[in-house]
């Protein structure tokens, strides 16, 4: 019915498990100093330790490549992040007349066991020329949402790579929208290998960090207010479930943090705010269970993976991923439920499966599903 993940999609980034101390060669400060020394020496520098790999992005899309299935039992293509060497990155940008310096790259974190430090770079302005350089290697830039659907959610490697790509996109997006100081209007410059920025106006010098915008109320109050405003349903007890990074939001809010809660209704009448929701309905547990059973998430994953392979080959398929959730049994599912890559799926499946915890120590009401 539902697939249990170790973590939500985009969470569990293996590069962020522990921040090295400043004296460690894998730390942001040490890696950044090594980077400054190495870049001018390319391509004649000796092999560094740790080594550096770079993940290019263009317009929020990470560089990837596609390969065949992992074994003979499956034909589903598998995508991988398109890491390139520091030398290749400098040469690629130089071919477009761009000089790479240490501030061009953003520190993502180390893979200590591989003696490796990972970086990201935004090549959006040079995309046309960069793509022509990469085509011969069967590398391409692919939307993060497509990668999300195409990732095999029971494959830890795939989920790790998705988390790295999501974290990198969020950092690069933050750099793009925080170019100027909010206090004095001065130019912000990267610091700590791109992990923070600082106003270049010495009279100001304000430090800026990637942030999560908090609500102007407690989280529980926000759940009650939003539910009442959008559906007219009054909510009492609110129980936290989990959170999920979401770097694939709309252009107005591309990087967000999803917070999942169970809320217990005090009233049942629905009055939908049409400016916020298309519809809101009550459904029984059996209806929701049936919808989870019918949804063909594997079919969507295979379709998206095949699409990525076609893009990397230079033959892009114009096919809607939404249609791939249709069932083949001839019987219509009662509703559409997002796939295992979305926190909504796990909220819903947990409710259906009656998992352990405070949520299930109370009498169960029907779940309310609403679509944006």
Foldseek 3Di string as FASTA:
>chain_A
DADDFPDFFLPPAPQVPDADDCVDCFHLNNVLVVQQVVQVCPPPDPQDFLFEKEWEAAPLFTKKAWDADPDPVDGQIDIAGDIDGPNVVQVLVVVVVDGDHLQQWAWQGAPVVNRYTYIYGYCRVVVVSSCVVCLVVLMDTDHLVLLLLQFDRVDVVSSNRSNSSLVNSLLVVVCVVPQADPPPRAGWGADSSSQWTFGPPPVGGDIGGDDADDDPDDPVVVVQVVCCVFWVWGWDDKAWDDKDWQQPDDPVCRTHIGTDIDTHTPDDHTDGDVVVFVDKDFDALVLLVQQVVQFDSVQLNSVSSVQSNCVSNVHHDDDDSVVSRAGDPPDGRPDHFDHSNDPSSVNSVCLSVVDDDPVNVDDDDTDMDTHD
